[in-house]
């Protein structure tokens, strides 16, 4: 696990600035989000841009704010843990939800729990 001071300041993201066709998506350097209470930062190893992202990019979910980061699916390792997050047996696996306000975490052979912020 990394302390927040060891995290990079910038990350790559698939970004859209206005509703449009698939070519509206572009890669951009953006600031790494700050670590909030009851949240974790996940260093993604794989990310996916899927159907819900395509609808958002096309403006089907309402106006697109400039700088919208796409990618509702991803997997990786927990890079930093915020205050209030409990770690069991030294490790948990997390998946980012499309709402980006909740992280669901589960551990092998145990029940699932949610981290909310």
Foldseek 3Di string as FASTA:
>chain_A
DAEPVPDDQWDWFFFAAWADQPVSTDIDIDGQDDADALDFGFDFPDFDADDVNNCVNNQVVHTHHGGDTGTQWTFGATHGHHHPDDDDPNGWGWIGGNVNQKIKIDDPPDDTDIRGD
